[in-house]
Amino acid sequence: MTEDATEAVRDNPSAHRYELTVDGHVAFIAYKPMPDGLVFVHTEVPEALGGRGVGGRLVSGALTDMRRRGLKVRPDCSFVAAYAERHPEFNDVIVGR
């Protein structure tokens, strides 16, 4: 995939999730609102996309968008929490760990 993750990952507010479409499959992070941002509650990557780094690109793109919007993320999803632990460059966006 040649697109930059921050361009390919998009917020779909009507579905309450961030999405990344790869090869016709949609990976997503479901969220719910909190006063100063969003709670990321579940990440799902279709089996067909497993092992290709799609989940990491999805989380990176979503966190980058949240930073751009001046909002915070509480990672209730274990996948997002683990990603944030491995990527301290997003510490400014993450709350409630």
Protein backbone atom coordinates (compact mmCIF):
# COMPACT_ATOMS: atom_id res chain seq x y z
CA MET A 1 0.00 0.00 0.00
CA THR A 2 1.51 3.29 -1.03
CA GLU A 3 -0.76 5.69 0.88
CA ASP A 4 0.54 7.33 4.03
CA ALA A 5 -1.28 5.87 7.06
CA THR A 6 -2.44 9.28 8.27
CA GLU A 7 -4.16 9.89 4.91
CA ALA A 8 -5.69 6.42 4.55
CA VAL A 9 -7.07 6.21 8.10
CA ARG A 10 -10.34 8.08 8.38
CA ASP A 11 -12.78 8.90 11.11
CA ASN A 12 -16.29 7.58 10.48
CA PRO A 13 -18.29 9.42 13.16
CA SER A 14 -21.63 7.92 12.12
CA ALA A 15 -20.24 4.44 12.87
CA HIS A 16 -18.20 5.63 15.90
CA ARG A 17 -14.95 4.28 14.55
CA TYR A 18 -11.70 4.98 12.75
CA GLU A 19 -11.29 2.90 9.58
CA LEU A 20 -8.52 1.76 7.27
CA THR A 21 -9.46 -0.04 4.05
CA VAL A 22 -6.84 -2.37 2.57
CA ASP A 23 -7.47 -4.68 -0.38
CA GLY A 24 -11.24 -4.28 0.04
CA HIS A 25 -11.18 -5.19 3.75
CA VAL A 26 -11.92 -2.69 6.52
CA ALA A 27 -9.94 -2.65 9.76
CA PHE A 28 -11.35 -0.40 12.48
CA ILE A 29 -11.05 1.01 15.97
CA ALA A 30 -14.44 1.44 17.66
CA TYR A 31 -14.71 4.38 20.03
CA LYS A 32 -17.01 6.21 22.39
CA PRO A 33 -16.84 9.88 23.39
CA MET A 34 -15.36 11.28 26.57
CA PRO A 35 -15.25 14.97 27.56
CA ASP A 36 -11.83 15.80 26.07
CA GLY A 37 -11.58 13.13 23.36
CA LEU A 38 -12.38 9.51 22.67
CA VAL A 39 -12.16 6.14 24.41
CA PHE A 40 -10.82 3.53 21.99
CA VAL A 41 -12.72 0.40 23.01
CA HIS A 42 -12.02 -2.25 20.36
CA THR A 43 -9.72 -2.81 17.39
CA GLU A 44 -10.57 -5.29 14.67
CA VAL A 45 -8.37 -6.31 11.74
CA PRO A 46 -9.85 -8.82 9.29
CA GLU A 47 -8.04 -12.16 9.25
CA ALA A 48 -7.13 -11.63 5.58
CA LEU A 49 -5.01 -8.61 6.63
CA GLY A 50 -3.29 -10.26 9.59
CA GLY A 51 0.48 -10.01 9.87
CA ARG A 52 0.77 -7.06 7.48
CA GLY A 53 1.05 -4.22 9.99
CA VAL A 54 -2.44 -2.96 9.24
CA GLY A 55 -3.38 -2.68 12.93
CA GLY A 56 -0.31 -0.58 13.67
CA ARG A 57 -0.97 1.72 10.71
CA LEU A 58 -4.58 2.08 11.83
CA VAL A 59 -3.65 3.03 15.40
CA SER A 60 -0.89 5.38 14.27
CA GLY A 61 -3.21 7.16 11.86
CA ALA A 62 -6.00 7.47 14.44
CA LEU A 63 -3.65 8.81 17.13
CA THR A 64 -2.11 11.25 14.66
CA ASP A 65 -5.58 12.52 13.75
CA MET A 66 -6.52 12.90 17.41
CA ARG A 67 -3.34 14.92 18.02
CA ARG A 68 -4.10 17.13 15.02
CA ARG A 69 -7.59 17.76 16.44
CA GLY A 70 -6.20 18.57 19.91
CA LEU A 71 -8.04 15.64 21.52
CA LYS A 72 -7.02 12.86 23.91
CA VAL A 73 -7.40 9.08 23.72
CA ARG A 74 -8.07 6.67 26.57
CA PRO A 75 -6.95 3.24 25.29
CA ASP A 76 -9.41 0.79 26.84
CA CYS A 77 -8.62 -1.52 23.91
CA SER A 78 -5.64 -3.74 24.78
CA PHE A 79 -4.25 -3.52 21.23
CA VAL A 80 -4.21 0.29 21.30
CA ALA A 81 -2.77 0.30 24.84
CA ALA A 82 0.05 -2.06 23.81
CA TYR A 83 0.77 0.06 20.72
CA ALA A 84 0.93 3.22 22.85
CA GLU A 85 3.36 1.53 25.25
CA ARG A 86 5.68 0.70 22.34
CA HIS A 87 5.35 4.19 20.81
CA PRO A 88 6.05 6.87 23.44
CA GLU A 89 5.91 9.52 20.71
CA PHE A 90 2.14 9.43 21.28
CA ASN A 91 2.32 10.05 25.06
CA ASP A 92 0.89 13.55 24.53
CA VAL A 93 -2.33 12.05 23.15
CA ILE A 94 -2.79 9.12 25.57
CA VAL A 95 -4.54 9.50 28.94
CA GLY A 96 -5.68 7.11 31.66
CA ARG A 97 -3.00 4.43 31.44
